[in-house]
Amino acid sequence: MPRQPRRKSHNDVYHCMLRGINQQDIFLESKDYLEFQEIIRKTKKKFLYQIYSYVLMPNHIHLEIKDFNQTISKIIHSIATSYANYFNKKYERKGHVFENRFRSKNVGNLNYLLNLVRYIHQNPLKAGISLMEDYKWGSYWEYSKTEKIKEEDRIVDTKEIWNMFSKEREQAKKEFLKFNKQILKFQESSELLEYEMKKRLTDEEVIYFIKEELEIFNIQEIQKYNVEERNKIIRRIKKMEGISHKQIGRILGINIRIIQRA
């Protein structure tokens, strides 16, 4: 059964997030961050999208993307696949690097768009890793140090965001940097943080996981497996983020007490 299609954004702007599998680190040294940045540059040329803001954190990534051609899933899939291939080859490992499905949220209005830019830029500061202006693995560096960055090294499309503050370049930059250093209000922060909390999966997404990842195409047959094999499968399903015991029981047709004990 196919997954539920993602809702399209009416203004083509999306907040996308990729997280390391089991929340593991996906950047282990500076070369890894540089490789990911280069992958973004290449996919921008291929899919012709824009980046308003981004940050690469040790175990997750935020991207604010303007997608003109309604190819957001292809864009993120290309980025994630390219980096996973690099990461697995470099560190001689196999398997998933990122969680099964990236998260995306439509950016519905100007206020949300600008708050998202600020929220993304403040990630290193809130995590206690670095001051925003010193963190090279995000777009704040490009906005604040724009005169030091070569054209071929640019990732972010700053012009449209700056124009929201002022049509005069220096004034826009001044107001933009001031805006980014303001602490988000509780309501604004809660709205953005809610996006990072565990997402409740639909039954269709869980069924897709069982069929595609576990390669079990007749789900009802799981009821007939021996106890050890059945419990092994249940434990793998329970590791999925955003799924409840009740939901697993309903999909598998197995009593919830068995799910809880597995």
Protein backbone atom coordinates (compact mmCIF):
# COMPACT_ATOMS: atom_id res chain seq x y z
CA MET A 1 0.00 0.00 0.00
CA PRO A 2 1.54 3.36 -0.98
CA ARG A 3 2.29 6.06 1.55
CA GLN A 4 0.02 9.04 1.96
CA PRO A 5 1.16 11.82 -0.42
CA ARG A 6 2.69 14.90 1.14
CA ARG A 7 0.59 18.02 1.18
CA LYS A 8 1.78 20.58 -1.33
CA SER A 9 2.66 24.06 -0.14
CA HIS A 10 0.67 26.88 -1.72
CA ASN A 11 3.76 29.12 -1.74
CA ASP A 12 6.26 26.35 -2.58
CA VAL A 13 8.20 26.75 0.69
CA TYR A 14 8.87 23.75 2.94
CA HIS A 15 10.58 23.11 6.25
CA CYS A 16 12.34 19.77 5.83
CA MET A 17 14.13 17.80 8.50
CA LEU A 18 16.40 14.76 8.30
CA ARG A 19 17.49 12.95 11.45
CA GLY A 20 20.11 10.26 11.93
CA ILE A 21 18.76 6.76 12.41
CA ASN A 22 18.20 6.10 16.12
CA GLN A 23 19.27 9.75 16.60
CA GLN A 24 22.88 8.79 15.86
CA ASP A 25 25.41 11.39 14.68
CA ILE A 26 25.60 11.77 10.91
CA PHE A 27 28.54 14.19 10.86
CA LEU A 28 31.71 12.89 12.50
CA GLU A 29 34.25 15.40 11.19
CA SER A 30 34.50 18.62 9.17
CA LYS A 31 34.85 16.80 5.85
CA ASP A 32 31.40 15.28 6.36
CA TYR A 33 29.78 18.70 6.72
CA LEU A 34 31.65 19.92 3.64
CA GLU A 35 30.48 16.91 1.64
CA PHE A 36 26.85 17.56 2.58
CA GLN A 37 27.16 21.21 1.59
CA GLU A 38 28.55 20.17 -1.78
CA ILE A 39 25.65 17.75 -2.27
CA ILE A 40 23.23 20.62 -1.67
CA ARG A 41 24.99 22.73 -4.32
CA LYS A 42 24.76 19.89 -6.85
CA THR A 43 21.10 19.14 -6.20
CA LYS A 44 20.24 22.85 -6.45
CA LYS A 45 21.61 22.85 -9.98
CA LYS A 46 19.77 19.65 -10.82
CA PHE A 47 16.35 20.48 -9.37
CA LEU A 48 16.48 24.30 -9.54
CA TYR A 49 15.29 24.97 -6.01
CA GLN A 50 16.28 27.68 -3.54
CA ILE A 51 17.49 27.50 0.06
CA TYR A 52 16.33 30.25 2.42
CA SER A 53 18.00 28.79 5.51
CA TYR A 54 19.61 25.58 6.71
CA VAL A 55 21.67 24.15 9.54
CA LEU A 56 23.66 20.93 9.80
CA MET A 57 23.67 19.69 13.38
CA PRO A 58 25.62 16.61 14.54
CA ASN A 59 22.61 14.27 14.34
CA HIS A 60 20.01 16.17 12.31
CA ILE A 61 19.47 18.68 9.52
CA HIS A 62 17.02 21.53 8.92
CA LEU A 63 16.37 22.83 5.40
CA GLU A 64 14.03 25.65 4.42
CA ILE A 65 13.44 25.09 0.72
CA LYS A 66 11.56 26.94 -1.97
CA ASP A 67 10.61 24.28 -4.49
CA PHE A 68 9.36 25.78 -7.75
CA ASN A 69 8.71 22.47 -9.53
CA GLN A 70 6.86 20.45 -6.85
CA THR A 71 9.71 17.95 -6.58
CA ILE A 72 10.38 18.24 -2.83
CA SER A 73 10.39 14.46 -2.26
CA LYS A 74 12.84 13.93 -5.13
CA ILE A 75 15.06 16.72 -3.84
CA ILE A 76 15.33 15.32 -0.31
CA HIS A 77 15.63 11.73 -1.55
CA SER A 78 18.52 12.74 -3.81
CA ILE A 79 20.28 14.60 -0.99
CA ALA A 80 19.78 11.81 1.53
CA THR A 81 20.80 9.01 -0.84
CA SER A 82 23.93 10.81 -1.99
CA TYR A 83 25.07 11.50 1.55
CA ALA A 84 24.19 8.01 2.81
CA ASN A 85 26.29 6.47 0.03
CA TYR A 86 29.21 8.73 0.95
CA PHE A 87 28.85 8.08 4.69
CA ASN A 88 28.55 4.30 4.40
CA LYS A 89 31.51 4.03 2.05
CA LYS A 90 33.74 6.30 4.14
CA TYR A 91 32.99 4.62 7.45
CA GLU A 92 32.71 1.09 6.02
CA ARG A 93 29.18 0.53 7.23
CA LYS A 94 25.87 -0.67 5.77
CA GLY A 95 22.23 0.19 6.32
CA HIS A 96 20.23 3.36 6.83
CA VAL A 97 21.92 6.62 7.77
CA PHE A 98 18.70 8.60 8.17
CA GLU A 99 15.30 7.78 9.63
CA ASN A 100 13.00 6.10 7.14
CA ARG A 101 11.10 9.16 5.98
CA PHE A 102 12.07 12.79 6.12
CA ARG A 103 9.73 15.24 7.79
CA SER A 104 8.33 18.23 5.96
CA LYS A 105 5.92 20.98 6.86
CA ASN A 106 4.37 23.61 4.62
CA VAL A 107 5.49 27.13 5.44
CA GLY A 108 2.15 28.87 5.23
CA ASN A 109 2.80 32.57 5.69
CA LEU A 110 5.47 35.27 5.89
CA ASN A 111 5.53 35.39 9.68
CA TYR A 112 6.13 31.65 9.93
CA LEU A 113 8.75 31.80 7.17
CA LEU A 114 10.84 34.42 8.97
CA ASN A 115 10.43 32.78 12.39
CA LEU A 116 11.62 29.54 10.82
CA VAL A 117 14.75 31.24 9.47
CA ARG A 118 15.50 32.52 12.97
CA TYR A 119 14.67 29.19 14.62
CA ILE A 120 17.00 27.30 12.26
CA HIS A 121 19.82 29.79 12.80
CA GLN A 122 19.53 29.57 16.58
CA ASN A 123 19.92 25.76 16.66
CA PRO A 124 23.70 25.74 17.41
CA LEU A 125 23.24 28.39 20.11
CA LYS A 126 20.37 26.55 21.82
CA ALA A 127 22.33 23.29 21.68
CA GLY A 128 25.30 24.98 23.38
CA ILE A 129 27.57 24.15 20.44
CA SER A 130 28.46 27.57 19.09
CA LEU A 131 27.47 31.19 18.65
CA MET A 132 25.43 31.64 15.48
CA GLU A 133 28.06 33.84 13.81
CA ASP A 134 30.82 31.26 14.44
CA TYR A 135 28.94 28.21 13.17
CA LYS A 136 30.10 27.41 9.62
CA TRP A 137 27.66 24.58 8.98
CA GLY A 138 24.57 26.70 8.49
CA SER A 139 23.13 29.61 6.57
CA TYR A 140 23.66 32.26 9.27
CA TRP A 141 27.35 32.22 8.38
CA GLU A 142 26.45 33.01 4.78
CA TYR A 143 24.09 35.83 5.72
CA SER A 144 26.50 37.43 8.21
CA LYS A 145 29.80 36.83 6.37
CA THR A 146 28.44 37.28 2.85
CA GLU A 147 31.34 39.46 1.67
CA LYS A 148 33.85 36.71 2.55
CA ILE A 149 32.12 33.94 0.60
CA LYS A 150 33.01 33.14 -2.99
CA GLU A 151 30.13 32.95 -5.44
CA GLU A 152 30.77 29.29 -6.27
CA ASP A 153 30.64 28.41 -2.56
CA ARG A 154 27.24 29.97 -1.91
CA ILE A 155 24.32 27.77 -0.92
CA VAL A 156 21.71 30.21 0.36
CA ASP A 157 19.50 32.48 -1.73
CA THR A 158 19.70 35.55 0.49
CA LYS A 159 18.18 38.20 -1.77
CA GLU A 160 14.50 37.31 -1.28
CA ILE A 161 14.83 37.15 2.51
CA TRP A 162 16.79 40.41 2.70
CA ASN A 163 14.14 42.13 0.57
CA MET A 164 11.58 41.31 3.25
CA PHE A 165 13.47 43.66 5.59
CA SER A 166 14.58 46.40 3.20
CA LYS A 167 15.26 46.96 -0.49
CA GLU A 168 18.55 48.62 0.48
CA ARG A 169 21.19 45.92 0.94
CA GLU A 170 23.11 47.17 3.98
CA GLN A 171 19.96 48.19 5.85
CA ALA A 172 18.38 44.80 5.08
CA LYS A 173 21.42 42.97 6.39
CA LYS A 174 21.48 45.07 9.56
CA GLU A 175 17.79 44.47 10.31
CA PHE A 176 18.02 40.79 9.39
CA LEU A 177 20.92 40.11 11.77
CA LYS A 178 19.18 42.02 14.55
CA PHE A 179 16.01 39.98 13.96
CA ASN A 180 17.90 36.68 14.12
CA LYS A 181 19.41 37.50 17.51
CA GLN A 182 16.02 38.13 19.10
CA ILE A 183 14.78 35.25 21.23
CA LEU A 184 11.67 33.60 19.81
CA LYS A 185 8.50 34.21 21.80
CA PHE A 186 7.07 31.19 23.59
CA GLN A 187 4.14 30.79 21.19
CA GLU A 188 6.40 31.11 18.13
CA SER A 189 8.93 28.65 19.50
CA SER A 190 6.25 26.15 20.53
CA GLU A 191 4.79 26.12 17.01
CA LEU A 192 8.19 25.34 15.52
CA LEU A 193 9.25 22.89 18.21
CA GLU A 194 6.00 20.96 17.83
CA TYR A 195 7.21 20.00 14.37
CA GLU A 196 10.24 18.23 15.85
CA MET A 197 8.24 16.15 18.30
CA LYS A 198 7.40 12.56 17.52
CA LYS A 199 5.13 12.36 14.53
CA ARG A 200 2.16 10.01 14.78
CA LEU A 201 2.38 7.57 11.87
CA THR A 202 -0.67 6.62 9.85
CA ASP A 203 -1.68 2.96 9.52
CA GLU A 204 -0.70 3.17 5.85
CA GLU A 205 2.85 4.27 6.75
CA VAL A 206 3.24 1.45 9.27
CA ILE A 207 1.96 -1.12 6.76
CA TYR A 208 4.37 0.25 4.15
CA PHE A 209 7.25 -0.17 6.63
CA ILE A 210 6.30 -3.77 7.40
CA LYS A 211 6.07 -4.69 3.73
CA GLU A 212 9.05 -2.76 2.39
CA GLU A 213 11.51 -2.86 5.30
CA LEU A 214 10.60 -6.18 6.92
CA GLU A 215 9.59 -7.79 3.61
CA ILE A 216 6.40 -9.27 5.09
CA PHE A 217 3.71 -8.91 2.45
CA ASN A 218 0.92 -10.88 4.13
CA ILE A 219 0.67 -9.06 7.44
CA GLN A 220 -2.06 -11.29 8.86
CA GLU A 221 0.33 -14.26 8.63
CA ILE A 222 2.36 -12.74 11.49
CA GLN A 223 -0.33 -14.05 13.87
CA LYS A 224 0.65 -17.60 12.89
CA TYR A 225 4.41 -17.20 13.48
CA ASN A 226 6.00 -18.95 16.46
CA VAL A 227 6.23 -16.80 19.59
CA GLU A 228 9.95 -16.02 19.27
CA GLU A 229 9.73 -14.93 15.63
CA ARG A 230 6.48 -13.01 16.18
CA ASN A 231 7.92 -11.10 19.15
CA LYS A 232 11.08 -10.30 17.20
CA ILE A 233 8.99 -8.65 14.47
CA ILE A 234 6.85 -6.79 17.00
CA ARG A 235 9.97 -5.39 18.69
CA ARG A 236 11.26 -4.10 15.35
CA ILE A 237 7.96 -2.39 14.65
CA LYS A 238 7.87 -0.88 18.16
CA LYS A 239 11.20 0.85 17.47
CA MET A 240 9.51 3.03 14.85
CA GLU A 241 9.06 6.62 15.96
CA GLY A 242 5.45 7.76 16.29
CA ILE A 243 3.63 4.43 16.67
CA SER A 244 1.54 3.19 19.62
CA HIS A 245 1.01 -0.32 21.01
CA LYS A 246 -2.70 -0.01 20.27
CA GLN A 247 -1.98 0.83 16.64
CA ILE A 248 0.38 -2.14 16.23
CA GLY A 249 -2.24 -4.48 17.70
CA ARG A 250 -4.91 -3.15 15.37
CA ILE A 251 -2.75 -3.53 12.26
CA LEU A 252 -1.43 -7.00 13.13
CA GLY A 253 -4.68 -8.27 14.63
CA ILE A 254 -2.84 -9.20 17.81
CA ASN A 255 -3.97 -8.54 21.39
CA ILE A 256 -2.39 -5.39 22.84
CA ARG A 257 -1.15 -7.32 25.89
CA ILE A 258 0.96 -9.49 23.61
CA ILE A 259 2.34 -6.33 21.98
CA GLN A 260 3.22 -4.88 25.40
CA ARG A 261 4.95 -8.07 26.59
CA ALA A 262 6.93 -8.69 23.39
